[in-house]
Amino acid sequence: MGFDLFLAAVSIVAASIATWALLRLFPSSDARQAIPLRTDGGFADPSHTTDGGVTIDGKVTADGESTSDIDGQPTDHLGKRLVIALILTIPTFVITLLALAKIAMPGWLTNPWPHAIVITPVMFYCAAPIHHRGLPALQRRRPNGDSLVSLGMAIVYAYSLLLCVVSWIFPAGSRDPYFAFVGVVATLSLAGTLVRQHAMTAQQTAETEKAQSAQSTESTESARSQAKSPEPTQEKSAEELLFRAVVGHEIRARVLQITTSVTMVVAVWTCALWLAFGMQPKLAIAILLGSTVLSVAGLVLQAYDRQVTNR
């Protein structure tokens, strides 16, 4: 009883300190950076480009690396990562479910090391695009949905890996690894990105065909209007597009920044409150709940982020 009260006090104090640090670091208005603009008048998400990079027709050109989609990964590359993630995650997930259901299995299947070996490529290869977008954004103090997903996977992966190496330091009941969690989150994120890619490609193709059709039917009238006053009209249109891009980017960036910061605070308090007042096994469930909050919110924000950025 005395130890439980001590753990509750420590958890609440630690959560309070973490909350103060998160709210001080991430919603800061000082974390500003240049806004990469596209040639169509829209704006690119800085978390998807290099610092100071300019995105031209969907291609990042600052470092000479050409990209063909919203995530800097060709569709076939993402598809390959998704297939590998599925192949490696499904058996790990099924075995984890059977273990949770207390179904007897051979010892080598429940050994944590095979799970670690199988899921490590998912963590560091299949989910590499998520980390490459999320971690730099976190370092720039402008976290996004990828940052939350990356954090959620990293916490569970590190916890599970520690269980493989030094399981004796963990309390009884909290010594089961959860590598399947990493695989499931990575697979869902990659699948969602791939689906959005195909949908956006179809939408862009339809919009291009519609614009070309409208341009061909109104070419004569447009030519006459431009012949009379081409420069003022073009300058006004460019200024309006630039203003809308800048304002829209700042609003979206602040909303995303505040949302991700609040999500991290909620995850911290979810973990702390379960450690303080939850049922056993406290540590394992607290880690899973906190990581689930991060991952679910991150998956939702990924969808929002991609849709708004590429309108």
Protein backbone atom coordinates (compact mmCIF):
# COMPACT_ATOMS: atom_id res chain seq x y z
CA MET A 1 0.00 0.00 0.00
CA GLY A 2 2.78 2.39 0.90
CA PHE A 3 4.64 1.64 -2.33
CA ASP A 4 1.47 2.22 -4.37
CA LEU A 5 1.01 5.66 -2.82
CA PHE A 6 4.65 6.49 -3.50
CA LEU A 7 4.28 5.36 -7.13
CA ALA A 8 1.13 7.44 -7.52
CA ALA A 9 2.86 10.54 -6.15
CA VAL A 10 5.91 10.03 -8.36
CA SER A 11 3.73 9.46 -11.45
CA ILE A 12 1.70 12.62 -10.91
CA VAL A 13 4.77 14.76 -10.21
CA ALA A 14 6.54 13.38 -13.29
CA ALA A 15 3.46 13.98 -15.44
CA SER A 16 3.22 17.57 -14.17
CA ILE A 17 6.85 18.25 -15.05
CA ALA A 18 6.44 16.64 -18.48
CA THR A 19 3.29 18.70 -19.13
CA TRP A 20 5.10 21.93 -18.25
CA ALA A 21 7.99 21.00 -20.56
CA LEU A 22 5.74 20.01 -23.47
CA LEU A 23 3.59 23.13 -23.28
CA ARG A 24 6.68 25.29 -23.02
CA LEU A 25 8.56 23.71 -25.91
CA PHE A 26 6.14 22.82 -28.65
CA PRO A 27 3.38 25.47 -28.89
CA SER A 28 6.06 28.19 -28.98
CA SER A 29 5.47 30.86 -31.60
CA ASP A 30 9.25 31.20 -32.03
CA ALA A 31 9.46 27.97 -33.98
CA ARG A 32 9.06 29.53 -37.42
CA GLN A 33 10.55 28.58 -40.74
CA ALA A 34 10.36 29.42 -44.39
CA ILE A 35 7.25 28.35 -46.26
CA PRO A 36 8.07 26.28 -49.35
CA LEU A 37 5.76 27.31 -52.19
CA ARG A 38 4.61 25.31 -55.16
CA THR A 39 4.40 26.66 -58.67
CA ASP A 40 0.62 26.28 -58.62
CA GLY A 41 0.35 28.90 -55.91
CA GLY A 42 -0.17 26.43 -53.09
CA PHE A 43 2.15 25.68 -50.20
CA ALA A 44 4.12 22.62 -49.30
CA ASP A 45 4.34 21.16 -45.84
CA PRO A 46 7.80 21.98 -44.40
CA SER A 47 7.85 18.68 -42.55
CA HIS A 48 7.83 16.93 -45.93
CA THR A 49 10.70 18.93 -47.44
CA THR A 50 14.20 19.86 -46.51
CA ASP A 51 14.79 23.14 -44.73
CA GLY A 52 14.56 25.96 -47.19
CA GLY A 53 13.56 23.57 -49.95
CA VAL A 54 11.23 24.60 -52.77
CA THR A 55 8.61 22.17 -53.95
CA ILE A 56 7.93 22.45 -57.67
CA ASP A 57 5.02 20.50 -59.08
CA GLY A 58 5.33 17.94 -56.29
CA LYS A 59 9.12 17.54 -56.52
CA VAL A 60 11.60 18.65 -53.89
CA THR A 61 14.48 20.32 -55.69
CA ALA A 62 16.58 21.87 -52.90
CA ASP A 63 18.90 18.88 -52.62
CA GLY A 64 18.46 17.60 -56.14
CA GLU A 65 16.30 14.68 -55.03
CA SER A 66 13.21 14.24 -57.14
CA THR A 67 10.05 12.90 -55.57
CA SER A 68 6.88 11.67 -57.18
CA ASP A 69 4.32 11.87 -54.43
CA ILE A 70 3.33 13.61 -51.20
CA ASP A 71 5.65 11.56 -49.04
CA GLY A 72 8.83 11.63 -51.06
CA GLN A 73 8.39 7.93 -51.81
CA PRO A 74 7.26 6.57 -55.18
CA THR A 75 4.09 4.53 -54.97
CA ASP A 76 5.88 1.28 -55.78
CA HIS A 77 8.37 1.85 -52.95
CA LEU A 78 5.61 2.45 -50.42
CA GLY A 79 3.77 -0.58 -51.75
CA LYS A 80 6.87 -2.72 -51.25
CA ARG A 81 7.29 -1.44 -47.69
CA LEU A 82 3.62 -2.17 -46.97
CA VAL A 83 3.85 -5.73 -48.30
CA ILE A 84 6.94 -6.46 -46.19
CA ALA A 85 5.26 -4.94 -43.12
CA LEU A 86 2.20 -7.13 -43.65
CA ILE A 87 4.22 -10.31 -44.13
CA LEU A 88 6.21 -9.71 -40.95
CA THR A 89 3.43 -8.30 -38.80
CA ILE A 90 0.62 -10.81 -39.37
CA PRO A 91 2.33 -13.86 -37.76
CA THR A 92 3.62 -11.75 -34.86
CA PHE A 93 0.17 -10.28 -34.31
CA VAL A 94 -1.55 -13.68 -34.41
CA ILE A 95 0.93 -15.20 -31.94
CA THR A 96 0.50 -12.23 -29.59
CA LEU A 97 -3.29 -12.62 -29.66
CA LEU A 98 -3.02 -16.34 -28.93
CA ALA A 99 -0.64 -15.64 -26.04
CA LEU A 100 -3.02 -13.05 -24.58
CA ALA A 101 -5.81 -15.63 -24.86
CA LYS A 102 -3.67 -18.04 -22.80
CA ILE A 103 -3.56 -20.63 -25.58
CA ALA A 104 -0.70 -23.09 -25.21
CA MET A 105 2.03 -22.74 -27.86
CA PRO A 106 5.60 -23.98 -28.32
CA GLY A 107 8.11 -22.07 -26.25
CA TRP A 108 10.07 -20.80 -29.25
CA LEU A 109 6.95 -19.05 -30.56
CA THR A 110 6.45 -17.08 -27.38
CA ASN A 111 10.14 -16.26 -26.96
CA PRO A 112 10.52 -12.47 -27.35
CA TRP A 113 13.70 -12.62 -29.44
CA PRO A 114 12.09 -14.02 -32.64
CA HIS A 115 9.47 -11.27 -32.39
CA ALA A 116 12.21 -8.65 -32.01
CA ILE A 117 14.08 -10.02 -35.05
CA VAL A 118 10.93 -10.06 -37.18
CA ILE A 119 9.63 -6.59 -36.23
CA THR A 120 12.97 -4.73 -36.32
CA PRO A 121 12.90 -4.44 -40.17
CA VAL A 122 9.35 -3.09 -39.88
CA MET A 123 10.48 -0.49 -37.38
CA PHE A 124 13.58 0.71 -39.23
CA TYR A 125 12.87 -0.04 -42.89
CA CYS A 126 9.15 -0.18 -43.49
CA ALA A 127 8.42 2.73 -41.14
CA ALA A 128 11.47 4.75 -42.24
CA PRO A 129 9.38 7.35 -44.16
CA ILE A 130 7.33 7.98 -41.00
CA HIS A 131 10.46 8.58 -38.92
CA HIS A 132 12.08 10.72 -41.61
CA ARG A 133 9.07 13.05 -41.64
CA GLY A 134 8.19 12.94 -37.96
CA LEU A 135 11.50 13.24 -36.11
CA PRO A 136 12.86 16.31 -37.96
CA ALA A 137 9.52 18.05 -37.41
CA LEU A 138 9.78 17.22 -33.71
CA GLN A 139 13.30 18.64 -33.58
CA ARG A 140 12.07 21.85 -35.23
CA ARG A 141 9.40 22.05 -32.50
CA ARG A 142 6.64 21.75 -35.11
CA PRO A 143 5.42 18.17 -34.52
CA ASN A 144 2.95 16.57 -36.90
CA GLY A 145 1.00 13.35 -37.17
CA ASP A 146 4.11 11.45 -38.24
CA SER A 147 5.86 12.65 -35.06
CA LEU A 148 3.15 11.14 -32.89
CA VAL A 149 3.13 7.83 -34.77
CA SER A 150 6.93 7.64 -34.65
CA LEU A 151 6.94 8.34 -30.90
CA GLY A 152 4.26 5.76 -30.20
CA MET A 153 6.12 3.05 -32.09
CA ALA A 154 9.49 3.99 -30.59
CA ILE A 155 8.21 3.81 -27.00
CA VAL A 156 6.69 0.34 -27.40
CA TYR A 157 9.67 -0.94 -29.41
CA ALA A 158 12.17 0.27 -26.80
CA TYR A 159 10.06 -1.18 -23.96
CA SER A 160 9.76 -4.55 -25.70
CA LEU A 161 13.46 -4.64 -26.56
CA LEU A 162 14.38 -3.95 -22.94
CA LEU A 163 12.20 -6.89 -21.95
CA CYS A 164 14.30 -9.10 -24.21
CA VAL A 165 17.56 -7.95 -22.60
CA VAL A 166 16.80 -7.21 -18.94
CA SER A 167 13.33 -8.54 -18.25
CA TRP A 168 14.21 -9.10 -14.59
CA ILE A 169 14.12 -5.35 -13.84
CA PHE A 170 10.42 -5.18 -14.73
CA PRO A 171 7.66 -6.14 -12.27
CA ALA A 172 5.95 -9.49 -12.66
CA GLY A 173 3.06 -9.28 -15.10
CA SER A 174 4.73 -6.56 -17.17
CA ARG A 175 7.28 -8.78 -18.88
CA ASP A 176 5.41 -9.51 -22.11
CA PRO A 177 6.78 -7.79 -25.26
CA TYR A 178 4.41 -5.99 -27.60
CA PHE A 179 6.33 -5.93 -30.88
CA ALA A 180 3.08 -6.61 -32.73
CA PHE A 181 1.91 -3.12 -31.74
CA VAL A 182 4.78 -1.60 -33.74
CA GLY A 183 3.96 -3.68 -36.80
CA VAL A 184 0.25 -2.92 -36.72
CA VAL A 185 0.76 0.85 -36.38
CA ALA A 186 3.37 0.94 -39.16
CA THR A 187 1.14 -1.12 -41.44
CA LEU A 188 -1.90 1.10 -40.84
CA SER A 189 0.13 4.25 -41.48
CA LEU A 190 1.63 2.93 -44.72
CA ALA A 191 -1.73 1.61 -45.92
CA GLY A 192 -3.43 4.93 -45.19
CA THR A 193 -0.71 6.84 -47.03
CA LEU A 194 -0.93 4.56 -50.05
CA VAL A 195 -4.72 4.85 -50.22
CA ARG A 196 -4.52 8.65 -50.00
CA GLN A 197 -1.87 8.67 -52.71
CA HIS A 198 -4.06 6.80 -55.16
CA ALA A 199 -7.08 8.96 -54.31
CA MET A 200 -5.09 12.18 -54.74
CA THR A 201 -3.58 10.99 -58.03
CA ALA A 202 -7.04 10.27 -59.39
CA GLN A 203 -8.30 13.65 -58.16
CA GLN A 204 -5.36 15.52 -59.68
CA THR A 205 -5.83 13.72 -62.99
CA ALA A 206 -9.53 14.63 -63.05
CA GLU A 207 -8.79 18.25 -62.17
CA THR A 208 -6.11 18.48 -64.88
CA GLU A 209 -8.45 17.09 -67.52
CA LYS A 210 -11.20 19.46 -66.42
CA ALA A 211 -8.86 22.45 -66.51
CA GLN A 212 -7.57 21.53 -69.96
CA SER A 213 -11.10 21.14 -71.25
CA ALA A 214 -12.16 24.51 -69.85
CA GLN A 215 -9.02 26.16 -71.19
CA SER A 216 -9.59 24.85 -74.70
CA THR A 217 -13.21 26.12 -74.83
CA GLU A 218 -12.33 29.57 -73.47
CA SER A 219 -8.96 30.13 -75.13
CA THR A 220 -10.17 32.94 -77.42
CA GLU A 221 -11.84 34.94 -74.67
CA SER A 222 -8.90 34.46 -72.30
CA ALA A 223 -6.42 35.62 -74.95
CA ARG A 224 -8.39 38.82 -75.54
CA SER A 225 -8.58 39.59 -71.80
CA GLN A 226 -4.87 39.06 -71.34
CA ALA A 227 -4.06 41.21 -74.37
CA LYS A 228 -5.85 44.18 -72.82
CA SER A 229 -4.37 44.09 -69.30
CA PRO A 230 -2.14 41.07 -68.74
CA GLU A 231 0.26 42.30 -66.10
CA PRO A 232 -2.13 43.80 -63.47
CA THR A 233 -4.35 40.73 -63.58
CA GLN A 234 -1.45 38.32 -63.22
CA GLU A 235 0.16 40.35 -60.42
CA LYS A 236 -3.10 40.58 -58.49
CA SER A 237 -3.75 36.87 -58.88
CA ALA A 238 -0.23 35.96 -57.77
CA GLU A 239 -0.41 38.24 -54.72
CA GLU A 240 -3.78 36.81 -53.73
CA LEU A 241 -2.54 33.23 -54.07
CA LEU A 242 0.59 34.04 -52.07
CA PHE A 243 -1.41 35.71 -49.30
CA ARG A 244 -3.84 32.81 -49.07
CA ALA A 245 -0.97 30.30 -49.04
CA VAL A 246 0.87 32.13 -46.25
CA VAL A 247 -2.22 32.63 -44.08
CA GLY A 248 -3.50 29.11 -44.70
CA HIS A 249 -0.12 27.61 -43.91
CA GLU A 250 0.25 29.51 -40.64
CA ILE A 251 -3.26 28.59 -39.48
CA ARG A 252 -2.80 24.94 -40.37
CA ALA A 253 0.66 24.81 -38.80
CA ARG A 254 -0.55 26.35 -35.52
CA VAL A 255 -3.60 24.08 -35.33
CA LEU A 256 -1.44 21.03 -36.00
CA GLN A 257 1.19 22.19 -33.51
CA ILE A 258 -1.33 22.77 -30.71
CA THR A 259 -3.18 19.51 -31.44
CA THR A 260 -0.02 17.42 -31.33
CA SER A 261 1.14 19.13 -28.13
CA VAL A 262 -2.19 18.48 -26.41
CA THR A 263 -2.08 14.86 -27.61
CA MET A 264 1.35 14.35 -26.04
CA VAL A 265 0.09 15.84 -22.77
CA VAL A 266 -2.94 13.53 -22.82
CA ALA A 267 -0.67 10.54 -23.47
CA VAL A 268 1.59 11.49 -20.55
CA TRP A 269 -1.34 11.84 -18.15
CA THR A 270 -2.97 8.64 -19.40
CA CYS A 271 0.23 6.76 -18.61
CA ALA A 272 0.70 8.50 -15.24
CA LEU A 273 -2.87 8.03 -14.03
CA TRP A 274 -2.86 4.34 -14.93
CA LEU A 275 0.42 3.88 -13.09
CA ALA A 276 -1.10 5.61 -10.09
CA PHE A 277 -4.61 4.16 -9.96
CA GLY A 278 -4.92 1.46 -12.65
CA MET A 279 -5.12 -2.30 -12.39
CA GLN A 280 -2.19 -4.66 -12.69
CA PRO A 281 -0.07 -5.08 -14.69
CA LYS A 282 0.24 -1.31 -14.32
CA LEU A 283 3.45 -0.66 -16.23
CA ALA A 284 2.63 -2.67 -19.36
CA ILE A 285 -0.90 -1.28 -19.67
CA ALA A 286 0.27 2.28 -18.98
CA ILE A 287 2.90 2.04 -21.74
CA LEU A 288 0.38 0.59 -24.19
CA LEU A 289 -2.32 3.15 -23.38
CA GLY A 290 0.03 6.11 -23.71
CA SER A 291 1.47 4.81 -26.97
CA THR A 292 -2.03 4.07 -28.29
CA VAL A 293 -3.10 7.67 -27.64
CA LEU A 294 -0.07 8.92 -29.59
CA SER A 295 -0.47 6.46 -32.45
CA VAL A 296 -4.23 6.82 -32.98
CA ALA A 297 -4.06 10.62 -32.88
CA GLY A 298 -1.05 10.50 -35.19
CA LEU A 299 -2.86 8.35 -37.76
CA VAL A 300 -5.81 10.75 -37.76
CA LEU A 301 -3.55 13.80 -38.10
CA GLN A 302 -1.60 12.12 -40.91
CA ALA A 303 -4.81 11.94 -42.95
CA TYR A 304 -5.68 15.57 -42.16
CA ASP A 305 -2.13 16.75 -42.85
CA ARG A 306 -1.90 15.13 -46.28
CA GLN A 307 -5.34 16.31 -47.39
CA VAL A 308 -4.82 19.96 -46.47
CA THR A 309 -1.23 20.18 -47.67
CA ASN A 310 -2.02 18.87 -51.13
CA ARG A 311 -5.19 20.75 -51.95
